[in-house]
Amino acid sequence: MMQRVSSGLPGHEVVDAGICDLAAGRDTESAFLVAIAAPRLRALGIEVPAGGGEQPDHSLYELLSERDPGDAHGRYNALIRQMVSFCRAAEHATTS
């Protein structure tokens, strides 16, 4: 059973989806994004399954490039910002 992330945090849907995708072995945007942030998420007490490969950041960019080469860079940066926002909100929630 996968841990559910608080729905009060921005980007919780992506984190939940990424955790489920990693557990199922699926290579998705969400899975790679959660794998990139895994150390920070684990430090917050969120259980993150192993997966995402050795370089999930490269895998995420490659996946985005396959879907839309012209927008891969912008989309990658937007996803990373979303994950940073989630982690900051979760850190704030645990210190409040």
PDB file of N, CA and C in Angstrom:
ATOM      1  N   MET A   1       0.841  -1.180   0.000  1.00  0.00           N
ATOM      2  CA  MET A   1       0.000   0.000   0.000  1.00  0.00           C
ATOM      3  C   MET A   1       0.884   1.240   0.000  1.00  0.00           C
ATOM      4  N   MET A   2       0.657   2.153  -0.937  1.00  0.00           N
ATOM      5  CA  MET A   2       1.453   3.348  -1.055  1.00  0.00           C
ATOM      6  C   MET A   2       0.936   4.439  -0.132  1.00  0.00           C
ATOM      7  N   GLN A   3       1.856   5.184   0.406  1.00  0.00           N
ATOM      8  CA  GLN A   3       1.521   6.313   1.260  1.00  0.00           C
ATOM      9  C   GLN A   3       0.897   7.423   0.419  1.00  0.00           C
ATOM     10  N   ARG A   4      -0.158   8.033   0.931  1.00  0.00           N
ATOM     11  CA  ARG A   4      -0.794   9.152   0.236  1.00  0.00           C
ATOM     12  C   ARG A   4      -0.194  10.440   0.771  1.00  0.00           C
ATOM     13  N   VAL A   5       0.025  11.379  -0.118  1.00  0.00           N
ATOM     14  CA  VAL A   5       0.594  12.669   0.241  1.00  0.00           C
ATOM     15  C   VAL A   5      -0.552  13.618   0.539  1.00  0.00           C
ATOM     16  N   SER A   6      -0.344  14.505   1.504  1.00  0.00           N
ATOM     17  CA  SER A   6      -1.381  15.451   1.897  1.00  0.00           C
ATOM     18  C   SER A   6      -1.914  16.230   0.702  1.00  0.00           C
ATOM     19  N   SER A   7      -3.221  16.212   0.538  1.00  0.00           N
ATOM     20  CA  SER A   7      -3.838  16.906  -0.593  1.00  0.00           C
ATOM     21  C   SER A   7      -3.828  18.414  -0.410  1.00  0.00           C
ATOM     22  N   GLY A   8      -3.395  18.905   0.741  1.00  0.00           N
ATOM     23  CA  GLY A   8      -3.317  20.337   0.964  1.00  0.00           C
ATOM     24  C   GLY A   8      -2.043  20.958   0.424  1.00  0.00           C
ATOM     25  N   LEU A   9      -1.150  20.152  -0.107  1.00  0.00           N
ATOM     26  CA  LEU A   9       0.124  20.667  -0.611  1.00  0.00           C
ATOM     27  C   LEU A   9       0.079  20.854  -2.122  1.00  0.00           C
ATOM     28  N   PRO A  10       0.690  21.925  -2.621  1.00  0.00           N
ATOM     29  CA  PRO A  10       0.698  22.141  -4.066  1.00  0.00           C
ATOM     30  C   PRO A  10       1.502  21.052  -4.779  1.00  0.00           C
ATOM     31  N   GLY A  11       0.932  20.478  -5.800  1.00  0.00           N
ATOM     32  CA  GLY A  11       1.624  19.443  -6.566  1.00  0.00           C
ATOM     33  C   GLY A  11       1.487  18.049  -5.994  1.00  0.00           C
ATOM     34  N   HIS A  12       0.610  17.869  -5.018  1.00  0.00           N
ATOM     35  CA  HIS A  12       0.469  16.547  -4.400  1.00  0.00           C
ATOM     36  C   HIS A  12       0.047  15.485  -5.406  1.00  0.00           C
ATOM     37  N   GLU A  13      -0.706  15.893  -6.430  1.00  0.00           N
ATOM     38  CA  GLU A  13      -1.162  14.914  -7.426  1.00  0.00           C
ATOM     39  C   GLU A  13       0.014  14.297  -8.167  1.00  0.00           C
ATOM     40  N   VAL A  14       0.988  15.129  -8.516  1.00  0.00           N
ATOM     41  CA  VAL A  14       2.164  14.649  -9.245  1.00  0.00           C
ATOM     42  C   VAL A  14       2.985  13.711  -8.368  1.00  0.00           C
ATOM     43  N   VAL A  15       3.123  14.060  -7.098  1.00  0.00           N
ATOM     44  CA  VAL A  15       3.898  13.227  -6.180  1.00  0.00           C
ATOM     45  C   VAL A  15       3.202  11.886  -5.969  1.00  0.00           C
ATOM     46  N   ASP A  16       1.899  11.909  -5.728  1.00  0.00           N
ATOM     47  CA  ASP A  16       1.149  10.654  -5.577  1.00  0.00           C
ATOM     48  C   ASP A  16       1.276   9.782  -6.821  1.00  0.00           C
ATOM     49  N   ALA A  17       1.081  10.399  -7.983  1.00  0.00           N
ATOM     50  CA  ALA A  17       1.171   9.643  -9.240  1.00  0.00           C
ATOM     51  C   ALA A  17       2.575   9.083  -9.435  1.00  0.00           C
ATOM     52  N   GLY A  18       3.596   9.887  -9.125  1.00  0.00           N
ATOM     53  CA  GLY A  18       4.974   9.433  -9.283  1.00  0.00           C
ATOM     54  C   GLY A  18       5.316   8.275  -8.377  1.00  0.00           C
ATOM     55  N   ILE A  19       4.836   8.323  -7.140  1.00  0.00           N
ATOM     56  CA  ILE A  19       5.078   7.227  -6.202  1.00  0.00           C
ATOM     57  C   ILE A  19       4.422   5.945  -6.724  1.00  0.00           C
ATOM     58  N   CYS A  20       3.195   6.063  -7.179  1.00  0.00           N
ATOM     59  CA  CYS A  20       2.491   4.886  -7.732  1.00  0.00           C
ATOM     60  C   CYS A  20       3.185   4.359  -8.981  1.00  0.00           C
ATOM     61  N   ASP A  21       3.607   5.262  -9.857  1.00  0.00           N
ATOM     62  CA  ASP A  21       4.278   4.846 -11.091  1.00  0.00           C
ATOM     63  C   ASP A  21       5.614   4.174 -10.799  1.00  0.00           C
ATOM     64  N   LEU A  22       6.387   4.719  -9.853  1.00  0.00           N
ATOM     65  CA  LEU A  22       7.652   4.079  -9.486  1.00  0.00           C
ATOM     66  C   LEU A  22       7.414   2.678  -8.931  1.00  0.00           C
ATOM     67  N   ALA A  23       6.411   2.554  -8.071  1.00  0.00           N
ATOM     68  CA  ALA A  23       6.105   1.252  -7.479  1.00  0.00           C
ATOM     69  C   ALA A  23       5.707   0.231  -8.542  1.00  0.00           C
ATOM     70  N   ALA A  24       5.049   0.714  -9.606  1.00  0.00           N
ATOM     71  CA  ALA A  24       4.598  -0.172 -10.683  1.00  0.00           C
ATOM     72  C   ALA A  24       5.648  -0.338 -11.783  1.00  0.00           C
ATOM     73  N   GLY A  25       6.776   0.368 -11.667  1.00  0.00           N
ATOM     74  CA  GLY A  25       7.835   0.258 -12.668  1.00  0.00           C
ATOM     75  C   GLY A  25       7.553   1.000 -13.956  1.00  0.00           C
ATOM     76  N   ARG A  26       6.665   1.998 -13.902  1.00  0.00           N
ATOM     77  CA  ARG A  26       6.333   2.773 -15.106  1.00  0.00           C
ATOM     78  C   ARG A  26       7.277   3.960 -15.251  1.00  0.00           C
ATOM     79  N   ASP A  27       7.717   4.196 -16.478  1.00  0.00           N
ATOM     80  CA  ASP A  27       8.573   5.344 -16.794  1.00  0.00           C
ATOM     81  C   ASP A  27       7.693   6.504 -17.261  1.00  0.00           C
ATOM     82  N   THR A  28       7.306   7.344 -16.322  1.00  0.00           N
ATOM     83  CA  THR A  28       6.434   8.477 -16.614  1.00  0.00           C
ATOM     84  C   THR A  28       7.094   9.763 -16.142  1.00  0.00           C
ATOM     85  N   GLU A  29       6.546  10.897 -16.587  1.00  0.00           N
ATOM     86  CA  GLU A  29       7.032  12.198 -16.113  1.00  0.00           C
ATOM     87  C   GLU A  29       7.016  12.237 -14.591  1.00  0.00           C
ATOM     88  N   SER A  30       5.904  11.830 -14.006  1.00  0.00           N
ATOM     89  CA  SER A  30       5.758  11.881 -12.553  1.00  0.00           C
ATOM     90  C   SER A  30       6.762  10.978 -11.853  1.00  0.00           C
ATOM     91  N   ALA A  31       6.973   9.787 -12.397  1.00  0.00           N
ATOM     92  CA  ALA A  31       7.918   8.851 -11.787  1.00  0.00           C
ATOM     93  C   ALA A  31       9.329   9.426 -11.802  1.00  0.00           C
ATOM     94  N   PHE A  32       9.750   9.957 -12.932  1.00  0.00           N
ATOM     95  CA  PHE A  32      11.101  10.521 -13.012  1.00  0.00           C
ATOM     96  C   PHE A  32      11.232  11.739 -12.103  1.00  0.00           C
ATOM     97  N   LEU A  33      10.210  12.556 -12.040  1.00  0.00           N
ATOM     98  CA  LEU A  33      10.240  13.750 -11.207  1.00  0.00           C
ATOM     99  C   LEU A  33      10.365  13.370  -9.725  1.00  0.00           C
ATOM    100  N   VAL A  34       9.595  12.399  -9.284  1.00  0.00           N
ATOM    101  CA  VAL A  34       9.677  11.939  -7.896  1.00  0.00           C
ATOM    102  C   VAL A  34      11.038  11.293  -7.635  1.00  0.00           C
ATOM    103  N   ALA A  35      11.566  10.553  -8.599  1.00  0.00           N
ATOM    104  CA  ALA A  35      12.887   9.939  -8.434  1.00  0.00           C
ATOM    105  C   ALA A  35      13.967  11.012  -8.288  1.00  0.00           C
ATOM    106  N   ILE A  36      13.850  12.098  -9.025  1.00  0.00           N
ATOM    107  CA  ILE A  36      14.803  13.210  -8.903  1.00  0.00           C
ATOM    108  C   ILE A  36      14.767  13.773  -7.486  1.00  0.00           C
ATOM    109  N   ALA A  37      13.576  13.935  -6.951  1.00  0.00           N
ATOM    110  CA  ALA A  37      13.398  14.546  -5.628  1.00  0.00           C
ATOM    111  C   ALA A  37      13.413  13.530  -4.486  1.00  0.00           C
ATOM    112  N   ALA A  38      13.669  12.275  -4.780  1.00  0.00           N
ATOM    113  CA  ALA A  38      13.567  11.214  -3.769  1.00  0.00           C
ATOM    114  C   ALA A  38      14.328  11.506  -2.472  1.00  0.00           C
ATOM    115  N   PRO A  39      15.575  11.958  -2.516  1.00  0.00           N
ATOM    116  CA  PRO A  39      16.270  12.203  -1.242  1.00  0.00           C
ATOM    117  C   PRO A  39      15.555  13.247  -0.374  1.00  0.00           C
ATOM    118  N   ARG A  40      15.094  14.297  -1.000  1.00  0.00           N
ATOM    119  CA  ARG A  40      14.390  15.355  -0.258  1.00  0.00           C
ATOM    120  C   ARG A  40      13.041  14.857   0.250  1.00  0.00           C
ATOM    121  N   LEU A  41      12.344  14.094  -0.570  1.00  0.00           N
ATOM    122  CA  LEU A  41      11.051  13.542  -0.161  1.00  0.00           C
ATOM    123  C   LEU A  41      11.218  12.565   0.994  1.00  0.00           C
ATOM    124  N   ARG A  42      12.228  11.716   0.911  1.00  0.00           N
ATOM    125  CA  ARG A  42      12.477  10.766   1.997  1.00  0.00           C
ATOM    126  C   ARG A  42      12.825  11.491   3.291  1.00  0.00           C
ATOM    127  N   ALA A  43      13.578  12.588   3.189  1.00  0.00           N
ATOM    128  CA  ALA A  43      13.911  13.382   4.375  1.00  0.00           C
ATOM    129  C   ALA A  43      12.656  13.965   5.020  1.00  0.00           C
ATOM    130  N   LEU A  44      11.599  14.127   4.217  1.00  0.00           N
ATOM    131  CA  LEU A  44      10.319  14.616   4.727  1.00  0.00           C
ATOM    132  C   LEU A  44       9.455  13.497   5.292  1.00  0.00           C
ATOM    133  N   GLY A  45       9.947  12.264   5.211  1.00  0.00           N
ATOM    134  CA  GLY A  45       9.205  11.128   5.731  1.00  0.00           C
ATOM    135  C   GLY A  45       8.277  10.474   4.724  1.00  0.00           C
ATOM    136  N   ILE A  46       8.428  10.838   3.458  1.00  0.00           N
ATOM    137  CA  ILE A  46       7.594  10.265   2.399  1.00  0.00           C
ATOM    138  C   ILE A  46       8.328   9.044   1.832  1.00  0.00           C
ATOM    139  N   GLU A  47       7.659   7.916   1.836  1.00  0.00           N
ATOM    140  CA  GLU A  47       8.255   6.699   1.306  1.00  0.00           C
ATOM    141  C   GLU A  47       8.247   6.750  -0.215  1.00  0.00           C
ATOM    142  N   VAL A  48       9.440   6.667  -0.789  1.00  0.00           N
ATOM    143  CA  VAL A  48       9.586   6.698  -2.243  1.00  0.00           C
ATOM    144  C   VAL A  48      10.190   5.374  -2.685  1.00  0.00           C
ATOM    145  N   PRO A  49       9.474   4.628  -3.517  1.00  0.00           N
ATOM    146  CA  PRO A  49      10.032   3.362  -4.011  1.00  0.00           C
ATOM    147  C   PRO A  49      11.271   3.604  -4.864  1.00  0.00           C
ATOM    148  N   ALA A  50      12.128   2.627  -4.906  1.00  0.00           N
ATOM    149  CA  ALA A  50      13.295   2.709  -5.789  1.00  0.00           C
ATOM    150  C   ALA A  50      12.811   2.714  -7.228  1.00  0.00           C
ATOM    151  N   GLY A  51      13.603   3.270  -8.088  1.00  0.00           N
ATOM    152  CA  GLY A  51      13.265   3.282  -9.510  1.00  0.00           C
ATOM    153  C   GLY A  51      13.616   4.607 -10.139  1.00  0.00           C
ATOM    154  N   GLY A  52      13.348   4.707 -11.408  1.00  0.00           N
ATOM    155  CA  GLY A  52      13.646   5.930 -12.135  1.00  0.00           C
ATOM    156  C   GLY A  52      14.993   5.915 -12.828  1.00  0.00           C
ATOM    157  N   GLY A  53      15.743   4.840 -12.650  1.00  0.00           N
ATOM    158  CA  GLY A  53      17.039   4.721 -13.308  1.00  0.00           C
ATOM    159  C   GLY A  53      18.133   5.471 -12.575  1.00  0.00           C
ATOM    160  N   GLU A  54      19.335   5.406 -13.157  1.00  0.00           N
ATOM    161  CA  GLU A  54      20.495   6.044 -12.539  1.00  0.00           C
ATOM    162  C   GLU A  54      20.490   7.555 -12.706  1.00  0.00           C
ATOM    163  N   GLN A  55      19.892   8.043 -13.780  1.00  0.00           N
ATOM    164  CA  GLN A  55      19.856   9.476 -14.045  1.00  0.00           C
ATOM    165  C   GLN A  55      18.435   9.891 -14.398  1.00  0.00           C
ATOM    166  N   PRO A  56      17.557   9.955 -13.399  1.00  0.00           N
ATOM    167  CA  PRO A  56      16.167  10.281 -13.704  1.00  0.00           C
ATOM    168  C   PRO A  56      15.989  11.664 -14.318  1.00  0.00           C
ATOM    169  N   ASP A  57      16.911  12.578 -14.027  1.00  0.00           N
ATOM    170  CA  ASP A  57      16.824  13.902 -14.633  1.00  0.00           C
ATOM    171  C   ASP A  57      17.014  13.823 -16.148  1.00  0.00           C
ATOM    172  N   HIS A  58      17.953  13.021 -16.572  1.00  0.00           N
ATOM    173  CA  HIS A  58      18.179  12.834 -18.017  1.00  0.00           C
ATOM    174  C   HIS A  58      17.007  12.086 -18.655  1.00  0.00           C
ATOM    175  N   SER A  59      16.502  11.092 -17.941  1.00  0.00           N
ATOM    176  CA  SER A  59      15.373  10.318 -18.468  1.00  0.00           C
ATOM    177  C   SER A  59      14.134  11.181 -18.619  1.00  0.00           C
ATOM    178  N   LEU A  60      13.905  12.065 -17.641  1.00  0.00           N
ATOM    179  CA  LEU A  60      12.757  12.972 -17.737  1.00  0.00           C
ATOM    180  C   LEU A  60      12.901  13.885 -18.939  1.00  0.00           C
ATOM    181  N   TYR A  61      14.071  14.468 -19.120  1.00  0.00           N
ATOM    182  CA  TYR A  61      14.280  15.375 -20.247  1.00  0.00           C
ATOM    183  C   TYR A  61      14.124  14.634 -21.579  1.00  0.00           C
ATOM    184  N   GLU A  62      14.645  13.425 -21.647  1.00  0.00           N
ATOM    185  CA  GLU A  62      14.519  12.619 -22.865  1.00  0.00           C
ATOM    186  C   GLU A  62      13.054  12.334 -23.184  1.00  0.00           C
ATOM    187  N   LEU A  63      12.286  11.964 -22.172  1.00  0.00           N
ATOM    188  CA  LEU A  63      10.856  11.697 -22.358  1.00  0.00           C
ATOM    189  C   LEU A  63      10.134  12.946 -22.852  1.00  0.00           C
ATOM    190  N   LEU A  64      10.434  14.078 -22.256  1.00  0.00           N
ATOM    191  CA  LEU A  64       9.810  15.334 -22.674  1.00  0.00           C
ATOM    192  C   LEU A  64      10.215  15.704 -24.099  1.00  0.00           C
ATOM    193  N   SER A  65      11.463  15.439 -24.449  1.00  0.00           N
ATOM    194  CA  SER A  65      11.952  15.734 -25.803  1.00  0.00           C
ATOM    195  C   SER A  65      11.264  14.878 -26.850  1.00  0.00           C
ATOM    196  N   GLU A  66      10.964  13.637 -26.499  1.00  0.00           N
ATOM    197  CA  GLU A  66      10.272  12.749 -27.437  1.00  0.00           C
ATOM    198  C   GLU A  66       8.861  13.250 -27.713  1.00  0.00           C
ATOM    199  N   ARG A  67       8.204  13.784 -26.694  1.00  0.00           N
ATOM    200  CA  ARG A  67       6.821  14.252 -26.840  1.00  0.00           C
ATOM    201  C   ARG A  67       6.728  15.586 -27.562  1.00  0.00           C
ATOM    202  N   ASP A  68       7.621  16.515 -27.212  1.00  0.00           N
ATOM    203  CA  ASP A  68       7.569  17.856 -27.802  1.00  0.00           C
ATOM    204  C   ASP A  68       8.958  18.479 -27.723  1.00  0.00           C
ATOM    205  N   PRO A  69       9.794  18.226 -28.735  1.00  0.00           N
ATOM    206  CA  PRO A  69      11.173  18.698 -28.694  1.00  0.00           C
ATOM    207  C   PRO A  69      11.316  20.207 -28.482  1.00  0.00           C
ATOM    208  N   GLY A  70      10.410  20.973 -29.032  1.00  0.00           N
ATOM    209  CA  GLY A  70      10.517  22.428 -28.928  1.00  0.00           C
ATOM    210  C   GLY A  70      10.196  22.973 -27.546  1.00  0.00           C
ATOM    211  N   ASP A  71       9.493  22.207 -26.741  1.00  0.00           N
ATOM    212  CA  ASP A  71       9.069  22.696 -25.430  1.00  0.00           C
ATOM    213  C   ASP A  71       9.681  21.897 -24.279  1.00  0.00           C
ATOM    214  N   ALA A  72      10.586  20.997 -24.579  1.00  0.00           N
ATOM    215  CA  ALA A  72      11.126  20.117 -23.542  1.00  0.00           C
ATOM    216  C   ALA A  72      11.822  20.898 -22.427  1.00  0.00           C
ATOM    217  N   HIS A  73      12.620  21.870 -22.800  1.00  0.00           N
ATOM    218  CA  HIS A  73      13.378  22.626 -21.797  1.00  0.00           C
ATOM    219  C   HIS A  73      12.440  23.383 -20.855  1.00  0.00           C
ATOM    220  N   GLY A  74      11.481  24.084 -21.413  1.00  0.00           N
ATOM    221  CA  GLY A  74      10.528  24.841 -20.604  1.00  0.00           C
ATOM    222  C   GLY A  74       9.689  23.938 -19.722  1.00  0.00           C
ATOM    223  N   ARG A  75       9.237  22.828 -20.270  1.00  0.00           N
ATOM    224  CA  ARG A  75       8.420  21.885 -19.503  1.00  0.00           C
ATOM    225  C   ARG A  75       9.230  21.252 -18.381  1.00  0.00           C
ATOM    226  N   TYR A  76      10.466  20.896 -18.672  1.00  0.00           N
ATOM    227  CA  TYR A  76      11.349  20.318 -17.653  1.00  0.00           C
ATOM    228  C   TYR A  76      11.502  21.293 -16.484  1.00  0.00           C
ATOM    229  N   ASN A  77      11.814  22.537 -16.800  1.00  0.00           N
ATOM    230  CA  ASN A  77      11.992  23.543 -15.748  1.00  0.00           C
ATOM    231  C   ASN A  77      10.713  23.764 -14.950  1.00  0.00           C
ATOM    232  N   ALA A  78       9.580  23.764 -15.625  1.00  0.00           N
ATOM    233  CA  ALA A  78       8.300  23.939 -14.929  1.00  0.00           C
ATOM    234  C   ALA A  78       8.036  22.783 -13.969  1.00  0.00           C
ATOM    235  N   LEU A  79       8.334  21.565 -14.390  1.00  0.00           N
ATOM    236  CA  LEU A  79       8.134  20.396 -13.526  1.00  0.00           C
ATOM    237  C   LEU A  79       9.056  20.444 -12.313  1.00  0.00           C
ATOM    238  N   ILE A  80      10.304  20.829 -12.525  1.00  0.00           N
ATOM    239  CA  ILE A  80      11.252  20.940 -11.411  1.00  0.00           C
ATOM    240  C   ILE A  80      10.784  22.016 -10.430  1.00  0.00           C
ATOM    241  N   ARG A  81      10.320  23.154 -10.942  1.00  0.00           N
ATOM    242  CA  ARG A  81       9.796  24.206 -10.060  1.00  0.00           C
ATOM    243  C   ARG A  81       8.601  23.709  -9.259  1.00  0.00           C
ATOM    244  N   GLN A  82       7.737  22.925  -9.891  1.00  0.00           N
ATOM    245  CA  GLN A  82       6.577  22.375  -9.202  1.00  0.00           C
ATOM    246  C   GLN A  82       7.010  21.466  -8.057  1.00  0.00           C
ATOM    247  N   MET A  83       8.023  20.640  -8.286  1.00  0.00           N
ATOM    248  CA  MET A  83       8.498  19.741  -7.240  1.00  0.00           C
ATOM    249  C   MET A  83       9.168  20.523  -6.113  1.00  0.00           C
ATOM    250  N   VAL A  84       9.925  21.533  -6.448  1.00  0.00           N
ATOM    251  CA  VAL A  84      10.552  22.372  -5.422  1.00  0.00           C
ATOM    252  C   VAL A  84       9.476  23.043  -4.575  1.00  0.00           C
ATOM    253  N   SER A  85       8.435  23.527  -5.214  1.00  0.00           N
ATOM    254  CA  SER A  85       7.325  24.153  -4.497  1.00  0.00           C
ATOM    255  C   SER A  85       6.673  23.158  -3.539  1.00  0.00           C
ATOM    256  N   PHE A  86       6.445  21.947  -4.006  1.00  0.00           N
ATOM    257  CA  PHE A  86       5.868  20.914  -3.150  1.00  0.00           C
ATOM    258  C   PHE A  86       6.765  20.668  -1.941  1.00  0.00           C
ATOM    259  N   CYS A  87       8.052  20.479  -2.174  1.00  0.00           N
ATOM    260  CA  CYS A  87       8.977  20.174  -1.075  1.00  0.00           C
ATOM    261  C   CYS A  87       9.040  21.319  -0.069  1.00  0.00           C
ATOM    262  N   ARG A  88       9.083  22.534  -0.551  1.00  0.00           N
ATOM    263  CA  ARG A  88       9.103  23.681   0.364  1.00  0.00           C
ATOM    264  C   ARG A  88       7.829  23.736   1.200  1.00  0.00           C
ATOM    265  N   ALA A  89       6.677  23.522   0.573  1.00  0.00           N
ATOM    266  CA  ALA A  89       5.414  23.538   1.310  1.00  0.00           C
ATOM    267  C   ALA A  89       5.379  22.412   2.339  1.00  0.00           C
ATOM    268  N   ALA A  90       5.873  21.233   1.967  1.00  0.00           N
ATOM    269  CA  ALA A  90       5.887  20.100   2.895  1.00  0.00           C
ATOM    270  C   ALA A  90       6.839  20.366   4.054  1.00  0.00           C
ATOM    271  N   GLU A  91       7.977  20.967   3.763  1.00  0.00           N
ATOM    272  CA  GLU A  91       8.929  21.311   4.833  1.00  0.00           C
ATOM    273  C   GLU A  91       8.314  22.329   5.782  1.00  0.00           C
ATOM    274  N   HIS A  92       7.639  23.305   5.223  1.00  0.00           N
ATOM    275  CA  HIS A  92       6.982  24.327   6.048  1.00  0.00           C
ATOM    276  C   HIS A  92       5.887  23.696   6.907  1.00  0.00           C
ATOM    277  N   ALA A  93       5.137  22.770   6.330  1.00  0.00           N
ATOM    278  CA  ALA A  93       4.047  22.116   7.063  1.00  0.00           C
ATOM    279  C   ALA A  93       4.576  21.291   8.229  1.00  0.00           C
ATOM    280  N   THR A  94       5.766  20.711   8.075  1.00  0.00           N
ATOM    281  CA  THR A  94       6.304  19.880   9.146  1.00  0.00           C
ATOM    282  C   THR A  94       6.942  20.711  10.253  1.00  0.00           C
ATOM    283  N   THR A  95       7.299  21.965   9.961  1.00  0.00           N
ATOM    284  CA  THR A  95       7.903  22.819  10.985  1.00  0.00           C
ATOM    285  C   THR A  95       6.862  23.707  11.666  1.00  0.00           C
ATOM    286  N   SER A  96       5.649  23.738  11.144  1.00  0.00           N
ATOM    287  CA  SER A  96       4.607  24.585  11.730  1.00  0.00           C
ATOM    288  C   SER A  96       3.880  23.886  12.850  1.00  0.00           C
TER     289      SER A  96
END
